[in-house]
């Protein structure tokens, strides 16, 4: 698997893990969620010249980094690592650095490029009807939907926005809901 884009990650341990999985790979490290102007400028330049893939930890700080980058550099591409693939063998927090090479390759095979100001294809009513907002198991259902669509976990408001930004079609959404419902029925 050859990756021509620059990968935006949180730190040097993430870079090290990606190099173990892919060999030579170029990264930009944010060094945490307080991204400075110089780092955002590097990301803007990389987006203009090679393209950028944002691959952050599947946690709150990782989401904060994604939002900061998306605001500063519209149209970036995202890859999402499922939470269960980022769990450390020992104590510590979720992270890209804990993912297996297979999990990293799978995440980078499902890329989503933001479409700024995109019109939603899925409505709030669709989310409600699918039990993704306002229900007793909505959080678990959103988490599973994020895994099935490879778009990561999001709260209800962020899910609505993410489905629009990535232009997830009604067909893709419907297939994921049917699969999730079948999984739940089969227990």
N, C-alpha and C. Protein backbone atom coordinates (compact mmCIF):
# COMPACT_ATOMS: atom_id res chain seq x y z
N UNK A 1 0.85 -1.18 0.00
CA UNK A 1 0.00 0.00 0.00
C UNK A 1 0.89 1.23 0.00
N UNK A 2 0.73 2.08 -1.01
CA UNK A 2 1.51 3.30 -1.12
C UNK A 2 0.62 4.49 -0.79
N UNK A 3 1.13 5.36 0.07
CA UNK A 3 0.37 6.55 0.47
C UNK A 3 1.15 7.78 0.04
N UNK A 4 0.60 8.53 -0.89
CA UNK A 4 1.30 9.72 -1.39
C UNK A 4 1.00 10.96 -0.54
N UNK A 5 -0.15 10.96 0.15
CA UNK A 5 -0.52 12.11 0.96
C UNK A 5 0.31 12.16 2.25
N UNK A 6 0.29 13.32 2.87
CA UNK A 6 0.89 13.49 4.20
C UNK A 6 -0.16 13.03 5.21
N UNK A 7 0.27 12.28 6.19
CA UNK A 7 -0.63 11.85 7.26
C UNK A 7 -0.45 12.78 8.44
N UNK A 8 -1.55 13.31 8.95
CA UNK A 8 -1.51 14.15 10.14
C UNK A 8 -1.85 13.27 11.33
N UNK A 9 -0.91 13.19 12.27
CA UNK A 9 -1.06 12.36 13.46
C UNK A 9 -0.77 13.21 14.69
N UNK A 10 -1.00 12.65 15.85
CA UNK A 10 -0.84 13.42 17.08
C UNK A 10 0.60 13.50 17.57
N UNK A 11 1.38 12.43 17.40
CA UNK A 11 2.73 12.46 17.96
C UNK A 11 3.69 11.49 17.32
N UNK A 12 4.91 11.48 17.83
CA UNK A 12 5.98 10.68 17.22
C UNK A 12 5.74 9.17 17.37
N UNK A 13 5.04 8.75 18.43
CA UNK A 13 4.74 7.32 18.56
C UNK A 13 3.79 6.86 17.45
N UNK A 14 2.88 7.75 17.04
CA UNK A 14 1.98 7.44 15.92
C UNK A 14 2.79 7.31 14.63
N UNK A 15 3.71 8.24 14.42
CA UNK A 15 4.57 8.19 13.24
C UNK A 15 5.36 6.89 13.22
N UNK A 16 5.92 6.54 14.35
CA UNK A 16 6.72 5.31 14.46
C UNK A 16 5.88 4.08 14.09
N UNK A 17 4.65 4.00 14.62
CA UNK A 17 3.78 2.86 14.33
C UNK A 17 3.44 2.81 12.84
N UNK A 18 3.16 3.95 12.23
CA UNK A 18 2.84 3.99 10.81
C UNK A 18 4.04 3.57 9.97
N UNK A 19 5.23 3.97 10.37
CA UNK A 19 6.43 3.56 9.64
C UNK A 19 6.67 2.06 9.78
N UNK A 20 6.33 1.50 10.93
CA UNK A 20 6.44 0.05 11.10
C UNK A 20 5.47 -0.67 10.16
N UNK A 21 4.31 -0.09 9.95
CA UNK A 21 3.28 -0.71 9.12
C UNK A 21 3.51 -0.49 7.63
N UNK A 22 4.02 0.68 7.25
CA UNK A 22 4.10 1.05 5.83
C UNK A 22 5.49 1.36 5.32
N UNK A 23 6.50 1.34 6.16
CA UNK A 23 7.83 1.75 5.73
C UNK A 23 7.91 3.27 5.73
N UNK A 24 8.58 3.81 4.74
CA UNK A 24 8.71 5.26 4.68
C UNK A 24 7.36 5.91 4.43
N UNK A 25 7.01 6.81 5.31
CA UNK A 25 5.73 7.51 5.22
C UNK A 25 5.95 8.90 5.80
N UNK A 26 5.33 9.88 5.23
CA UNK A 26 5.51 11.26 5.69
C UNK A 26 4.35 11.66 6.59
N UNK A 27 4.69 12.24 7.74
CA UNK A 27 3.67 12.68 8.69
C UNK A 27 3.92 14.11 9.12
N UNK A 28 2.85 14.70 9.59
CA UNK A 28 2.91 15.98 10.30
C UNK A 28 2.35 15.68 11.68
N UNK A 29 3.10 15.96 12.71
CA UNK A 29 2.67 15.68 14.08
C UNK A 29 2.12 16.95 14.71
N UNK A 30 0.93 16.85 15.29
CA UNK A 30 0.31 18.01 15.91
C UNK A 30 0.83 18.26 17.32
N UNK A 31 1.42 17.23 17.92
CA UNK A 31 1.92 17.32 19.30
C UNK A 31 0.82 17.73 20.26
N UNK A 32 -0.31 17.08 20.13
CA UNK A 32 -1.43 17.34 21.03
C UNK A 32 -2.53 18.13 20.37
N UNK A 33 -3.55 18.46 21.16
CA UNK A 33 -4.73 19.10 20.60
C UNK A 33 -4.64 20.62 20.50
N UNK A 34 -3.61 21.22 21.09
CA UNK A 34 -3.41 22.67 20.97
C UNK A 34 -2.51 22.92 19.77
N UNK A 35 -3.09 22.83 18.58
CA UNK A 35 -2.32 22.95 17.35
C UNK A 35 -1.92 24.41 17.13
N UNK A 36 -0.63 24.64 16.91
CA UNK A 36 -0.17 26.01 16.71
C UNK A 36 -0.30 26.42 15.24
N UNK A 37 -0.13 27.70 14.99
CA UNK A 37 -0.29 28.26 13.65
C UNK A 37 0.73 27.66 12.69
N UNK A 38 1.95 27.45 13.14
CA UNK A 38 2.99 26.89 12.28
C UNK A 38 2.60 25.49 11.79
N UNK A 39 2.01 24.69 12.66
CA UNK A 39 1.58 23.34 12.27
C UNK A 39 0.42 23.42 11.28
N UNK A 40 -0.53 24.31 11.54
CA UNK A 40 -1.64 24.49 10.60
C UNK A 40 -1.13 24.96 9.23
N UNK A 41 -0.10 25.81 9.22
CA UNK A 41 0.48 26.26 7.96
C UNK A 41 1.12 25.10 7.20
N UNK A 42 1.79 24.19 7.92
CA UNK A 42 2.37 22.99 7.29
C UNK A 42 1.27 22.13 6.67
N UNK A 43 0.18 21.99 7.41
CA UNK A 43 -0.94 21.18 6.92
C UNK A 43 -1.55 21.82 5.67
N UNK A 44 -1.71 23.15 5.68
CA UNK A 44 -2.25 23.85 4.50
C UNK A 44 -1.35 23.64 3.29
N UNK A 45 -0.04 23.76 3.48
CA UNK A 45 0.90 23.57 2.38
C UNK A 45 0.85 22.13 1.87
N UNK A 46 0.82 21.17 2.78
CA UNK A 46 0.75 19.77 2.39
C UNK A 46 -0.55 19.49 1.63
N UNK A 47 -1.66 20.06 2.07
CA UNK A 47 -2.94 19.88 1.39
C UNK A 47 -2.86 20.42 -0.04
N UNK A 48 -2.21 21.55 -0.20
CA UNK A 48 -2.12 22.18 -1.52
C UNK A 48 -1.18 21.41 -2.46
N UNK A 49 -0.17 20.75 -1.91
CA UNK A 49 0.84 20.11 -2.76
C UNK A 49 0.67 18.60 -2.91
N UNK A 50 0.29 17.90 -1.83
CA UNK A 50 0.23 16.44 -1.86
C UNK A 50 -1.09 15.85 -1.39
N UNK A 51 -1.86 16.65 -0.68
CA UNK A 51 -3.05 16.14 -0.03
C UNK A 51 -2.72 15.71 1.38
N UNK A 52 -3.75 15.67 2.22
CA UNK A 52 -3.58 15.37 3.64
C UNK A 52 -4.62 14.34 4.05
N UNK A 53 -4.19 13.39 4.88
CA UNK A 53 -5.10 12.45 5.52
C UNK A 53 -4.95 12.65 7.03
N UNK A 54 -6.04 12.96 7.69
CA UNK A 54 -6.03 13.13 9.14
C UNK A 54 -6.35 11.78 9.78
N UNK A 55 -5.42 11.30 10.62
CA UNK A 55 -5.59 10.03 11.33
C UNK A 55 -5.24 10.27 12.79
N UNK A 56 -6.25 10.59 13.58
CA UNK A 56 -6.03 10.90 14.99
C UNK A 56 -6.59 9.79 15.87
N UNK A 57 -6.26 9.86 17.14
CA UNK A 57 -6.76 8.89 18.11
C UNK A 57 -8.29 8.96 18.17
N UNK A 58 -8.95 7.83 18.37
CA UNK A 58 -10.41 7.82 18.44
C UNK A 58 -10.92 8.21 19.84
N UNK A 59 -10.60 9.44 20.23
CA UNK A 59 -11.00 9.94 21.54
C UNK A 59 -11.32 11.42 21.43
N UNK A 60 -11.67 12.04 22.56
CA UNK A 60 -12.07 13.45 22.55
C UNK A 60 -10.97 14.38 22.01
N UNK A 61 -9.72 14.26 22.49
CA UNK A 61 -8.67 15.13 21.93
C UNK A 61 -8.46 14.91 20.43
N UNK A 62 -8.58 13.66 19.98
CA UNK A 62 -8.44 13.39 18.55
C UNK A 62 -9.52 14.07 17.74
N UNK A 63 -10.75 14.07 18.25
CA UNK A 63 -11.85 14.77 17.58
C UNK A 63 -11.62 16.27 17.57
N UNK A 64 -11.09 16.80 18.66
CA UNK A 64 -10.80 18.23 18.73
C UNK A 64 -9.77 18.61 17.66
N UNK A 65 -8.77 17.77 17.48
CA UNK A 65 -7.76 18.03 16.45
C UNK A 65 -8.39 18.01 15.07
N UNK A 66 -9.24 17.01 14.80
CA UNK A 66 -9.92 16.94 13.50
C UNK A 66 -10.72 18.22 13.21
N UNK A 67 -11.46 18.68 14.20
CA UNK A 67 -12.28 19.87 14.02
C UNK A 67 -11.41 21.10 13.75
N UNK A 68 -10.33 21.22 14.50
CA UNK A 68 -9.42 22.36 14.31
C UNK A 68 -8.85 22.36 12.90
N UNK A 69 -8.40 21.21 12.45
CA UNK A 69 -7.83 21.10 11.11
C UNK A 69 -8.89 21.36 10.05
N UNK A 70 -10.07 20.79 10.22
CA UNK A 70 -11.15 20.97 9.24
C UNK A 70 -11.55 22.43 9.08
N UNK A 71 -11.56 23.17 10.19
CA UNK A 71 -11.88 24.60 10.11
C UNK A 71 -10.80 25.37 9.37
N UNK A 72 -9.54 25.03 9.63
CA UNK A 72 -8.41 25.77 9.05
C UNK A 72 -8.08 25.34 7.62
N UNK A 73 -8.34 24.06 7.30
CA UNK A 73 -7.97 23.51 6.00
C UNK A 73 -9.17 22.74 5.44
N UNK A 74 -10.13 23.44 4.86
CA UNK A 74 -11.33 22.77 4.34
C UNK A 74 -10.98 21.74 3.26
N UNK A 75 -11.75 20.67 3.24
CA UNK A 75 -11.57 19.66 2.20
C UNK A 75 -10.52 18.61 2.48
N UNK A 76 -10.04 18.51 3.73
CA UNK A 76 -9.06 17.46 4.03
C UNK A 76 -9.74 16.10 4.02
N UNK A 77 -8.92 15.07 3.92
CA UNK A 77 -9.40 13.70 3.91
C UNK A 77 -9.19 13.10 5.30
N UNK A 78 -10.12 12.25 5.72
CA UNK A 78 -10.05 11.65 7.05
C UNK A 78 -10.03 10.13 6.94
N UNK A 79 -9.29 9.51 7.86
CA UNK A 79 -9.31 8.06 8.08
C UNK A 79 -9.61 7.87 9.55
N UNK A 80 -10.44 6.89 9.85
CA UNK A 80 -10.86 6.66 11.24
C UNK A 80 -10.45 5.27 11.69
N UNK A 81 -9.86 5.22 12.86
CA UNK A 81 -9.48 3.97 13.49
C UNK A 81 -10.55 3.62 14.52
N UNK A 82 -11.13 2.43 14.45
CA UNK A 82 -12.14 2.05 15.45
C UNK A 82 -11.53 2.04 16.86
N UNK A 83 -12.33 2.41 17.84
CA UNK A 83 -11.86 2.48 19.22
C UNK A 83 -11.24 1.16 19.68
N UNK A 84 -11.86 0.04 19.34
CA UNK A 84 -11.36 -1.24 19.82
C UNK A 84 -10.04 -1.65 19.17
N UNK A 85 -9.64 -0.97 18.10
CA UNK A 85 -8.35 -1.24 17.46
C UNK A 85 -7.24 -0.36 18.01
N UNK A 86 -7.59 0.57 18.90
CA UNK A 86 -6.62 1.53 19.43
C UNK A 86 -6.36 1.36 20.92
N UNK A 87 -6.78 0.23 21.46
CA UNK A 87 -6.64 -0.03 22.90
C UNK A 87 -5.22 -0.51 23.20
N UNK A 88 -4.58 0.07 24.22
CA UNK A 88 -3.21 -0.37 24.56
C UNK A 88 -3.21 -1.76 25.21
N UNK A 89 -2.09 -2.45 25.05
CA UNK A 89 -1.92 -3.76 25.69
C UNK A 89 -1.81 -3.62 27.21
N UNK A 90 -1.31 -2.50 27.63
CA UNK A 90 -1.12 -2.20 29.05
C UNK A 90 -1.92 -0.95 29.38
N UNK A 91 -1.63 -0.31 30.48
CA UNK A 91 -2.36 0.92 30.82
C UNK A 91 -2.00 2.03 29.84
N UNK A 92 -2.92 2.96 29.73
CA UNK A 92 -2.71 4.09 28.84
C UNK A 92 -4.00 4.44 28.14
N UNK A 93 -3.94 5.44 27.29
CA UNK A 93 -5.14 5.89 26.60
C UNK A 93 -5.17 5.33 25.19
N UNK A 94 -6.34 5.41 24.57
CA UNK A 94 -6.51 4.97 23.19
C UNK A 94 -5.53 5.71 22.30
N UNK A 95 -5.03 5.03 21.27
CA UNK A 95 -4.13 5.73 20.39
C UNK A 95 -3.78 4.98 19.13
N UNK A 96 -3.46 5.73 18.09
CA UNK A 96 -2.98 5.19 16.83
C UNK A 96 -1.75 4.32 17.08
N UNK A 97 -0.92 4.73 18.02
CA UNK A 97 0.33 4.00 18.30
C UNK A 97 0.10 2.58 18.80
N UNK A 98 -1.12 2.25 19.23
CA UNK A 98 -1.44 0.91 19.73
C UNK A 98 -2.06 0.01 18.66
N UNK A 99 -2.37 0.56 17.50
CA UNK A 99 -3.07 -0.19 16.47
C UNK A 99 -2.13 -1.16 15.75
N UNK A 100 -2.68 -2.27 15.33
CA UNK A 100 -1.91 -3.24 14.55
C UNK A 100 -1.72 -2.71 13.13
N UNK A 101 -0.71 -3.20 12.42
CA UNK A 101 -0.56 -2.81 11.01
C UNK A 101 -1.82 -3.11 10.19
N UNK A 102 -2.47 -4.24 10.47
CA UNK A 102 -3.70 -4.59 9.72
C UNK A 102 -4.80 -3.56 9.98
N UNK A 103 -4.95 -3.13 11.22
CA UNK A 103 -5.98 -2.13 11.56
C UNK A 103 -5.67 -0.80 10.89
N UNK A 104 -4.40 -0.42 10.85
CA UNK A 104 -4.02 0.84 10.19
C UNK A 104 -4.28 0.77 8.69
N UNK A 105 -3.95 -0.36 8.08
CA UNK A 105 -4.20 -0.52 6.64
C UNK A 105 -5.70 -0.47 6.35
N UNK A 106 -6.50 -1.11 7.20
CA UNK A 106 -7.95 -1.09 7.01
C UNK A 106 -8.49 0.34 7.13
N UNK A 107 -8.00 1.09 8.12
CA UNK A 107 -8.45 2.47 8.30
C UNK A 107 -8.10 3.32 7.08
N UNK A 108 -6.91 3.09 6.51
CA UNK A 108 -6.47 3.91 5.38
C UNK A 108 -7.05 3.44 4.04
N UNK A 109 -7.81 2.35 4.06
CA UNK A 109 -8.51 1.93 2.85
C UNK A 109 -9.90 2.55 2.76
N UNK A 110 -10.34 3.20 3.84
CA UNK A 110 -11.65 3.85 3.87
C UNK A 110 -11.45 5.33 4.16
N UNK A 111 -11.20 6.08 3.12
CA UNK A 111 -10.93 7.51 3.26
C UNK A 111 -12.17 8.32 2.90
N UNK A 112 -12.35 9.40 3.64
CA UNK A 112 -13.48 10.29 3.40
C UNK A 112 -12.98 11.72 3.30
N UNK A 113 -13.29 12.35 2.18
CA UNK A 113 -12.90 13.74 1.98
C UNK A 113 -14.10 14.62 2.27
N UNK A 114 -13.86 15.62 3.09
CA UNK A 114 -14.93 16.55 3.45
C UNK A 114 -15.40 17.32 2.24
N UNK A 115 -16.69 17.54 2.17
CA UNK A 115 -17.29 18.41 1.18
C UNK A 115 -17.84 19.59 1.98
N UNK A 116 -17.09 20.71 2.03
CA UNK A 116 -17.54 21.85 2.82
C UNK A 116 -18.93 22.33 2.39
N UNK A 117 -19.75 22.67 3.37
CA UNK A 117 -21.10 23.19 3.15
C UNK A 117 -21.98 22.25 2.34
N UNK A 118 -21.76 20.95 2.48
CA UNK A 118 -22.54 19.96 1.74
C UNK A 118 -23.96 19.89 2.28
N UNK A 119 -24.89 19.65 1.38
CA UNK A 119 -26.28 19.47 1.77
C UNK A 119 -26.44 18.06 2.34
N UNK A 120 -27.10 17.92 3.48
CA UNK A 120 -27.27 16.59 4.06
C UNK A 120 -28.14 15.68 3.19
N UNK A 121 -27.73 14.42 3.10
CA UNK A 121 -28.50 13.41 2.39
C UNK A 121 -29.34 12.59 3.36
N UNK A 122 -28.96 12.65 4.64
CA UNK A 122 -29.65 11.95 5.72
C UNK A 122 -30.22 13.01 6.65
N UNK A 123 -31.49 12.88 7.01
CA UNK A 123 -32.14 13.90 7.85
C UNK A 123 -32.05 13.54 9.33
N UNK A 124 -32.35 14.53 10.16
CA UNK A 124 -32.45 14.30 11.61
C UNK A 124 -33.53 13.25 11.89
N UNK A 125 -34.61 13.30 11.11
CA UNK A 125 -35.70 12.34 11.27
C UNK A 125 -35.22 10.92 10.98
N UNK A 126 -34.33 10.78 9.99
CA UNK A 126 -33.75 9.47 9.68
C UNK A 126 -32.94 8.95 10.87
N UNK A 127 -32.18 9.85 11.49
CA UNK A 127 -31.37 9.46 12.64
C UNK A 127 -32.26 9.03 13.81
N UNK A 128 -33.34 9.76 14.01
CA UNK A 128 -34.28 9.44 15.09
C UNK A 128 -34.96 8.09 14.81
N UNK A 129 -35.43 7.91 13.59
CA UNK A 129 -36.12 6.66 13.21
C UNK A 129 -35.19 5.45 13.32
N UNK A 130 -33.90 5.66 13.11
CA UNK A 130 -32.93 4.57 13.18
C UNK A 130 -32.42 4.32 14.60
N UNK A 131 -32.94 5.08 15.56
CA UNK A 131 -32.52 4.89 16.94
C UNK A 131 -31.12 5.39 17.22
N UNK A 132 -30.67 6.38 16.44
CA UNK A 132 -29.32 6.91 16.60
C UNK A 132 -29.27 8.15 17.48
N UNK A 133 -30.43 8.75 17.71
CA UNK A 133 -30.53 9.89 18.63
C UNK A 133 -31.80 9.72 19.46
N UNK A 134 -31.74 10.15 20.69
CA UNK A 134 -32.92 10.19 21.53
C UNK A 134 -33.42 8.88 22.10
N UNK A 135 -32.73 7.78 21.87
CA UNK A 135 -33.19 6.50 22.38
C UNK A 135 -32.27 5.94 23.45
N UNK A 136 -32.69 4.89 24.13
CA UNK A 136 -31.90 4.33 25.23
C UNK A 136 -30.57 3.72 24.78
N UNK A 137 -30.48 3.24 23.55
CA UNK A 137 -29.24 2.62 23.07
C UNK A 137 -28.61 3.42 21.93
N UNK A 138 -28.95 4.70 21.85
CA UNK A 138 -28.50 5.53 20.73
C UNK A 138 -26.98 5.62 20.67
N UNK A 139 -26.33 5.76 21.81
CA UNK A 139 -24.87 5.89 21.81
C UNK A 139 -24.22 4.64 21.22
N UNK A 140 -24.67 3.47 21.66
CA UNK A 140 -24.10 2.22 21.16
C UNK A 140 -24.38 2.05 19.66
N UNK A 141 -25.57 2.46 19.25
CA UNK A 141 -25.92 2.36 17.83
C UNK A 141 -25.08 3.31 16.98
N UNK A 142 -24.83 4.53 17.49
CA UNK A 142 -23.97 5.47 16.75
C UNK A 142 -22.54 4.92 16.65
N UNK A 143 -22.08 4.33 17.73
CA UNK A 143 -20.72 3.76 17.72
C UNK A 143 -20.63 2.65 16.67
N UNK A 144 -21.61 1.76 16.63
CA UNK A 144 -21.59 0.67 15.65
C UNK A 144 -21.76 1.20 14.23
N UNK A 145 -22.62 2.19 14.04
CA UNK A 145 -22.78 2.79 12.72
C UNK A 145 -21.46 3.38 12.25
N UNK A 146 -20.76 4.08 13.14
CA UNK A 146 -19.46 4.65 12.80
C UNK A 146 -18.47 3.58 12.35
N UNK A 147 -18.52 2.42 13.00
CA UNK A 147 -17.64 1.31 12.61
C UNK A 147 -18.04 0.77 11.23
N UNK A 148 -19.33 0.56 11.02
CA UNK A 148 -19.79 0.00 9.76
C UNK A 148 -19.51 0.92 8.57
N UNK A 149 -19.66 2.22 8.78
CA UNK A 149 -19.43 3.18 7.70
C UNK A 149 -17.98 3.66 7.63
N UNK A 150 -17.17 3.29 8.65
CA UNK A 150 -15.76 3.69 8.74
C UNK A 150 -15.61 5.20 8.90
N UNK A 151 -16.52 5.81 9.67
CA UNK A 151 -16.45 7.25 9.88
C UNK A 151 -16.22 7.62 11.34
N UNK A 152 -15.95 6.65 12.18
CA UNK A 152 -15.66 6.91 13.58
C UNK A 152 -16.91 7.22 14.39
N UNK A 153 -16.74 7.22 15.70
CA UNK A 153 -17.85 7.52 16.61
C UNK A 153 -18.10 9.03 16.64
N UNK A 154 -19.36 9.41 16.75
CA UNK A 154 -19.73 10.81 16.89
C UNK A 154 -21.01 10.89 17.71
N UNK A 155 -21.16 11.99 18.47
CA UNK A 155 -22.43 12.20 19.15
C UNK A 155 -23.49 12.52 18.08
N UNK A 156 -24.74 12.67 18.49
CA UNK A 156 -25.83 12.85 17.53
C UNK A 156 -25.64 14.04 16.61
N UNK A 157 -25.28 15.17 17.17
CA UNK A 157 -25.10 16.38 16.37
C UNK A 157 -23.93 16.23 15.40
N UNK A 158 -22.83 15.67 15.88
CA UNK A 158 -21.65 15.48 15.03
C UNK A 158 -21.91 14.42 13.97
N UNK A 159 -22.69 13.39 14.30
CA UNK A 159 -23.00 12.36 13.31
C UNK A 159 -23.75 12.97 12.14
N UNK A 160 -24.75 13.79 12.43
CA UNK A 160 -25.52 14.45 11.38
C UNK A 160 -24.59 15.27 10.47
N UNK A 161 -23.70 16.01 11.09
CA UNK A 161 -22.76 16.85 10.35
C UNK A 161 -21.78 16.00 9.54
N UNK A 162 -21.27 14.93 10.16
CA UNK A 162 -20.29 14.07 9.49
C UNK A 162 -20.91 13.34 8.29
N UNK A 163 -22.14 12.87 8.44
CA UNK A 163 -22.81 12.21 7.33
C UNK A 163 -22.95 13.17 6.15
N UNK A 164 -23.22 14.43 6.43
CA UNK A 164 -23.33 15.44 5.37
C UNK A 164 -21.96 15.75 4.77
N UNK A 165 -20.97 16.03 5.63
CA UNK A 165 -19.63 16.39 5.15
C UNK A 165 -19.04 15.33 4.25
N UNK A 166 -19.26 14.06 4.59
CA UNK A 166 -18.68 12.96 3.82
C UNK A 166 -19.63 12.44 2.75
N UNK A 167 -20.80 13.09 2.63
CA UNK A 167 -21.80 12.74 1.62
C UNK A 167 -22.12 11.25 1.62
N UNK A 168 -22.39 10.73 2.82
CA UNK A 168 -22.82 9.35 2.96
C UNK A 168 -24.20 9.23 2.32
N UNK A 169 -24.33 8.34 1.37
CA UNK A 169 -25.58 8.21 0.63
C UNK A 169 -26.65 7.53 1.48
N UNK A 170 -27.89 7.71 1.08
CA UNK A 170 -29.01 7.05 1.76
C UNK A 170 -28.85 5.53 1.65
N UNK A 171 -28.32 5.06 0.52
CA UNK A 171 -28.14 3.62 0.33
C UNK A 171 -27.10 3.08 1.31
N UNK A 172 -25.96 3.75 1.43
CA UNK A 172 -24.92 3.30 2.37
C UNK A 172 -25.46 3.33 3.80
N UNK A 173 -26.15 4.40 4.14
CA UNK A 173 -26.73 4.54 5.47
C UNK A 173 -27.74 3.42 5.73
N UNK A 174 -28.62 3.20 4.77
CA UNK A 174 -29.65 2.18 4.92
C UNK A 174 -29.06 0.77 5.06
N UNK A 175 -28.04 0.46 4.26
CA UNK A 175 -27.38 -0.85 4.36
C UNK A 175 -26.76 -1.05 5.75
N UNK A 176 -26.12 0.00 6.26
CA UNK A 176 -25.50 -0.09 7.59
C UNK A 176 -26.56 -0.29 8.67
N UNK A 177 -27.68 0.41 8.56
CA UNK A 177 -28.76 0.27 9.55
C UNK A 177 -29.34 -1.15 9.49
N UNK A 178 -29.57 -1.68 8.27
CA UNK A 178 -30.08 -3.04 8.13
C UNK A 178 -29.12 -4.05 8.75
N UNK A 179 -27.84 -3.88 8.50
CA UNK A 179 -26.84 -4.81 9.07
C UNK A 179 -26.84 -4.72 10.59
N UNK A 180 -26.88 -3.50 11.11
CA UNK A 180 -26.88 -3.30 12.56
C UNK A 180 -28.13 -3.92 13.18
N UNK A 181 -29.26 -3.72 12.56
CA UNK A 181 -30.52 -4.30 13.08
C UNK A 181 -30.47 -5.83 13.05
N UNK A 182 -29.88 -6.40 11.99
CA UNK A 182 -29.75 -7.86 11.91
C UNK A 182 -28.82 -8.39 12.99
N UNK A 183 -27.74 -7.67 13.23
CA UNK A 183 -26.80 -8.07 14.30
C UNK A 183 -27.51 -8.07 15.65
N UNK A 184 -28.29 -7.04 15.91
CA UNK A 184 -29.01 -6.93 17.18
C UNK A 184 -30.06 -8.04 17.30
N UNK A 185 -30.73 -8.36 16.21
CA UNK A 185 -31.76 -9.41 16.24
C UNK A 185 -31.16 -10.79 16.49
N UNK A 186 -29.94 -10.98 15.98
CA UNK A 186 -29.25 -12.26 16.15
C UNK A 186 -28.47 -12.34 17.44
N UNK A 187 -28.49 -11.22 18.19
CA UNK A 187 -27.94 -11.13 19.52
C UNK A 187 -26.52 -11.40 19.70
